[in-house]
């Protein structure tokens, strides 16, 4: 186990727990913030895992997740918009 893997575990424990708490409780806007935070934490954790395992082919998944998370947030924001 190297420093990259320890960092990934620490990031998942320290970042995903508050994100999942925000995403599961409260009003829709804080839930959206929790969803965005969980996507960013997952992306960073996957990047750290790819670096820790030393496989450059593992970088494809976090890069795709980083690209697709922003349009997903835009879709959810549009759905939360108040209807006239």
N, C-alpha and C. Protein backbone atom coordinates (compact mmCIF):
# COMPACT_ATOMS: atom_id res chain seq x y z
N UNK A 1 0.85 -1.17 0.00
CA UNK A 1 0.00 0.00 0.00
C UNK A 1 0.90 1.23 0.00
N UNK A 2 0.69 2.09 -0.96
CA UNK A 2 1.54 3.27 -1.05
C UNK A 2 0.76 4.53 -0.66
N UNK A 3 1.42 5.66 -0.76
CA UNK A 3 0.83 6.92 -0.31
C UNK A 3 -0.37 7.33 -1.16
N UNK A 4 -0.37 7.00 -2.45
CA UNK A 4 -1.49 7.34 -3.33
C UNK A 4 -2.76 6.61 -2.89
N UNK A 5 -2.63 5.35 -2.54
CA UNK A 5 -3.80 4.57 -2.12
C UNK A 5 -4.31 5.02 -0.76
N UNK A 6 -3.40 5.37 0.13
CA UNK A 6 -3.82 5.90 1.43
C UNK A 6 -4.55 7.23 1.25
N UNK A 7 -4.05 8.06 0.34
CA UNK A 7 -4.73 9.32 0.05
C UNK A 7 -6.11 9.12 -0.54
N UNK A 8 -6.26 8.10 -1.39
CA UNK A 8 -7.57 7.82 -1.98
C UNK A 8 -8.56 7.36 -0.92
N UNK A 9 -8.11 6.51 -0.01
CA UNK A 9 -8.99 6.05 1.07
C UNK A 9 -9.37 7.21 1.98
N UNK A 10 -8.40 8.06 2.32
CA UNK A 10 -8.69 9.21 3.17
C UNK A 10 -9.65 10.18 2.49
N UNK A 11 -9.48 10.37 1.19
CA UNK A 11 -10.37 11.25 0.45
C UNK A 11 -11.78 10.68 0.41
N UNK A 12 -11.90 9.39 0.20
CA UNK A 12 -13.23 8.78 0.18
C UNK A 12 -13.91 8.87 1.53
N UNK A 13 -13.17 8.61 2.59
CA UNK A 13 -13.77 8.68 3.92
C UNK A 13 -14.07 10.12 4.33
N UNK A 14 -13.15 11.01 4.06
CA UNK A 14 -13.33 12.40 4.47
C UNK A 14 -14.23 13.22 3.58
N UNK A 15 -14.34 12.86 2.33
CA UNK A 15 -15.13 13.66 1.41
C UNK A 15 -16.47 13.07 1.03
N UNK A 16 -16.55 11.75 0.98
CA UNK A 16 -17.78 11.14 0.52
C UNK A 16 -18.85 11.10 1.61
N UNK A 17 -18.44 10.99 2.86
CA UNK A 17 -19.43 10.93 3.94
C UNK A 17 -20.22 12.24 4.03
N UNK A 18 -19.59 13.42 4.05
CA UNK A 18 -20.40 14.65 4.06
C UNK A 18 -21.20 14.84 2.77
N UNK A 19 -20.65 14.40 1.65
CA UNK A 19 -21.38 14.54 0.38
C UNK A 19 -22.64 13.68 0.37
N UNK A 20 -22.52 12.46 0.85
CA UNK A 20 -23.70 11.59 0.90
C UNK A 20 -24.71 12.08 1.92
N UNK A 21 -24.23 12.67 3.01
CA UNK A 21 -25.16 13.24 3.99
C UNK A 21 -25.93 14.40 3.37
N UNK A 22 -25.23 15.29 2.66
CA UNK A 22 -25.90 16.41 1.99
C UNK A 22 -26.87 15.93 0.92
N UNK A 23 -26.48 14.91 0.19
CA UNK A 23 -27.32 14.42 -0.91
C UNK A 23 -28.55 13.68 -0.43
N UNK A 24 -28.57 13.25 0.81
CA UNK A 24 -29.70 12.46 1.28
C UNK A 24 -30.65 13.22 2.19
N UNK A 25 -30.34 14.42 2.58
CA UNK A 25 -31.19 15.15 3.51
C UNK A 25 -31.44 16.57 3.03
N UNK A 26 -32.57 17.14 3.45
CA UNK A 26 -32.81 18.56 3.26
C UNK A 26 -33.53 18.91 1.98
N UNK A 27 -33.41 20.18 1.64
CA UNK A 27 -34.05 20.74 0.46
C UNK A 27 -33.33 20.31 -0.81
N UNK A 28 -33.95 20.56 -1.97
CA UNK A 28 -33.33 20.12 -3.22
C UNK A 28 -31.98 20.78 -3.54
N UNK A 29 -31.80 22.04 -3.20
CA UNK A 29 -30.54 22.71 -3.55
C UNK A 29 -29.35 22.13 -2.77
N UNK A 30 -29.44 21.95 -1.45
CA UNK A 30 -28.31 21.29 -0.78
C UNK A 30 -28.10 19.85 -1.24
N UNK A 31 -29.15 19.19 -1.65
CA UNK A 31 -29.00 17.83 -2.18
C UNK A 31 -28.21 17.85 -3.49
N UNK A 32 -28.46 18.87 -4.31
CA UNK A 32 -27.70 19.01 -5.55
C UNK A 32 -26.23 19.30 -5.26
N UNK A 33 -25.98 20.11 -4.24
CA UNK A 33 -24.59 20.39 -3.84
C UNK A 33 -23.91 19.11 -3.39
N UNK A 34 -24.62 18.28 -2.65
CA UNK A 34 -24.06 16.99 -2.23
C UNK A 34 -23.76 16.09 -3.41
N UNK A 35 -24.63 16.11 -4.40
CA UNK A 35 -24.41 15.31 -5.61
C UNK A 35 -23.18 15.78 -6.37
N UNK A 36 -23.03 17.08 -6.51
CA UNK A 36 -21.86 17.64 -7.20
C UNK A 36 -20.59 17.31 -6.43
N UNK A 37 -20.64 17.47 -5.11
CA UNK A 37 -19.47 17.16 -4.28
C UNK A 37 -19.09 15.70 -4.37
N UNK A 38 -20.07 14.81 -4.39
CA UNK A 38 -19.75 13.38 -4.48
C UNK A 38 -19.13 13.04 -5.83
N UNK A 39 -19.56 13.71 -6.89
CA UNK A 39 -18.95 13.48 -8.20
C UNK A 39 -17.51 13.93 -8.25
N UNK A 40 -17.23 15.07 -7.64
CA UNK A 40 -15.85 15.58 -7.62
C UNK A 40 -14.94 14.71 -6.76
N UNK A 41 -15.46 14.27 -5.62
CA UNK A 41 -14.66 13.41 -4.74
C UNK A 41 -14.39 12.07 -5.42
N UNK A 42 -15.39 11.53 -6.10
CA UNK A 42 -15.19 10.25 -6.79
C UNK A 42 -14.16 10.39 -7.91
N UNK A 43 -14.20 11.50 -8.63
CA UNK A 43 -13.23 11.73 -9.69
C UNK A 43 -11.81 11.80 -9.14
N UNK A 44 -11.64 12.56 -8.07
CA UNK A 44 -10.30 12.68 -7.48
C UNK A 44 -9.83 11.36 -6.89
N UNK A 45 -10.74 10.61 -6.27
CA UNK A 45 -10.35 9.32 -5.71
C UNK A 45 -9.95 8.34 -6.81
N UNK A 46 -10.66 8.34 -7.92
CA UNK A 46 -10.30 7.46 -9.02
C UNK A 46 -8.95 7.85 -9.64
N UNK A 47 -8.67 9.15 -9.70
CA UNK A 47 -7.36 9.59 -10.18
C UNK A 47 -6.24 9.13 -9.24
N UNK A 48 -6.48 9.23 -7.94
CA UNK A 48 -5.48 8.77 -6.98
C UNK A 48 -5.29 7.26 -7.05
N UNK A 49 -6.38 6.52 -7.24
CA UNK A 49 -6.27 5.06 -7.37
C UNK A 49 -5.49 4.67 -8.62
N UNK A 50 -5.74 5.37 -9.72
CA UNK A 50 -5.01 5.08 -10.96
C UNK A 50 -3.52 5.34 -10.78
N UNK A 51 -3.20 6.42 -10.10
CA UNK A 51 -1.79 6.72 -9.84
C UNK A 51 -1.18 5.71 -8.87
N UNK A 52 -1.96 5.31 -7.88
CA UNK A 52 -1.46 4.36 -6.90
C UNK A 52 -1.20 2.98 -7.47
N UNK A 53 -2.04 2.54 -8.39
CA UNK A 53 -1.84 1.24 -9.02
C UNK A 53 -0.84 1.30 -10.17
N UNK A 54 -0.50 2.50 -10.62
CA UNK A 54 0.49 2.65 -11.67
C UNK A 54 0.00 2.25 -13.05
N UNK A 55 -1.30 2.29 -13.26
CA UNK A 55 -1.88 1.91 -14.56
C UNK A 55 -2.45 3.16 -15.23
N UNK A 56 -1.84 3.57 -16.32
CA UNK A 56 -2.34 4.75 -17.01
C UNK A 56 -3.67 4.49 -17.70
N UNK A 57 -4.00 3.23 -17.96
CA UNK A 57 -5.28 2.93 -18.59
C UNK A 57 -6.45 3.17 -17.64
N UNK A 58 -6.17 3.20 -16.34
CA UNK A 58 -7.23 3.47 -15.37
C UNK A 58 -7.64 4.94 -15.35
N UNK A 59 -6.92 5.79 -16.05
CA UNK A 59 -7.23 7.22 -16.06
C UNK A 59 -8.42 7.56 -16.95
N UNK A 60 -8.86 6.63 -17.78
CA UNK A 60 -9.95 6.91 -18.70
C UNK A 60 -11.25 7.18 -17.95
N UNK A 61 -11.55 6.36 -16.97
CA UNK A 61 -12.82 6.49 -16.24
C UNK A 61 -12.92 7.82 -15.50
N UNK A 62 -11.92 8.26 -14.72
CA UNK A 62 -12.08 9.55 -14.06
C UNK A 62 -12.13 10.73 -15.03
N UNK A 63 -11.43 10.63 -16.15
CA UNK A 63 -11.49 11.72 -17.12
C UNK A 63 -12.87 11.82 -17.76
N UNK A 64 -13.48 10.68 -18.06
CA UNK A 64 -14.84 10.68 -18.61
C UNK A 64 -15.82 11.19 -17.55
N UNK A 65 -15.64 10.78 -16.31
CA UNK A 65 -16.51 11.25 -15.23
C UNK A 65 -16.40 12.75 -15.05
N UNK A 66 -15.20 13.29 -15.15
CA UNK A 66 -15.01 14.74 -15.02
C UNK A 66 -15.70 15.49 -16.14
N UNK A 67 -15.66 14.94 -17.35
CA UNK A 67 -16.30 15.61 -18.49
C UNK A 67 -17.82 15.52 -18.39
N UNK A 68 -18.35 14.38 -17.96
CA UNK A 68 -19.79 14.18 -17.96
C UNK A 68 -20.49 14.70 -16.71
N UNK A 69 -19.76 15.01 -15.66
CA UNK A 69 -20.42 15.47 -14.44
C UNK A 69 -20.99 16.88 -14.60
N UNK A 70 -20.33 17.74 -15.34
CA UNK A 70 -20.83 19.10 -15.52
C UNK A 70 -22.15 19.14 -16.28
N UNK A 71 -22.31 18.46 -17.42
CA UNK A 71 -23.63 18.46 -18.07
C UNK A 71 -24.71 17.81 -17.20
N UNK A 72 -24.33 16.84 -16.39
CA UNK A 72 -25.30 16.24 -15.48
C UNK A 72 -25.81 17.24 -14.46
N UNK A 73 -24.92 18.07 -13.95
CA UNK A 73 -25.32 19.11 -13.00
C UNK A 73 -26.24 20.12 -13.68
N UNK A 74 -25.95 20.45 -14.92
CA UNK A 74 -26.82 21.38 -15.64
C UNK A 74 -28.22 20.81 -15.84
N UNK A 75 -28.32 19.52 -16.11
CA UNK A 75 -29.63 18.89 -16.27
C UNK A 75 -30.40 18.93 -14.96
N UNK A 76 -29.75 18.57 -13.85
CA UNK A 76 -30.43 18.61 -12.56
C UNK A 76 -30.82 20.03 -12.17
N UNK A 77 -29.99 21.01 -12.48
CA UNK A 77 -30.31 22.40 -12.17
C UNK A 77 -31.52 22.85 -12.96
N UNK A 78 -31.60 22.44 -14.19
CA UNK A 78 -32.77 22.80 -15.00
C UNK A 78 -34.04 22.15 -14.46
N UNK A 79 -33.93 20.94 -13.96
CA UNK A 79 -35.09 20.27 -13.38
C UNK A 79 -35.53 20.91 -12.07
N UNK A 80 -34.60 21.52 -11.34
CA UNK A 80 -34.94 22.18 -10.08
C UNK A 80 -35.50 23.58 -10.28
N UNK A 81 -35.40 24.08 -11.49
CA UNK A 81 -35.87 25.43 -11.77
C UNK A 81 -37.37 25.52 -11.51
N UNK A 82 -37.80 26.61 -10.95
CA UNK A 82 -39.23 26.80 -10.66
C UNK A 82 -40.00 26.96 -11.97
N UNK A 83 -41.09 26.27 -12.05
CA UNK A 83 -41.92 26.34 -13.26
C UNK A 83 -42.87 27.54 -13.16
N UNK A 84 -43.08 28.25 -14.28
CA UNK A 84 -43.98 29.43 -14.24
C UNK A 84 -45.44 29.04 -14.15
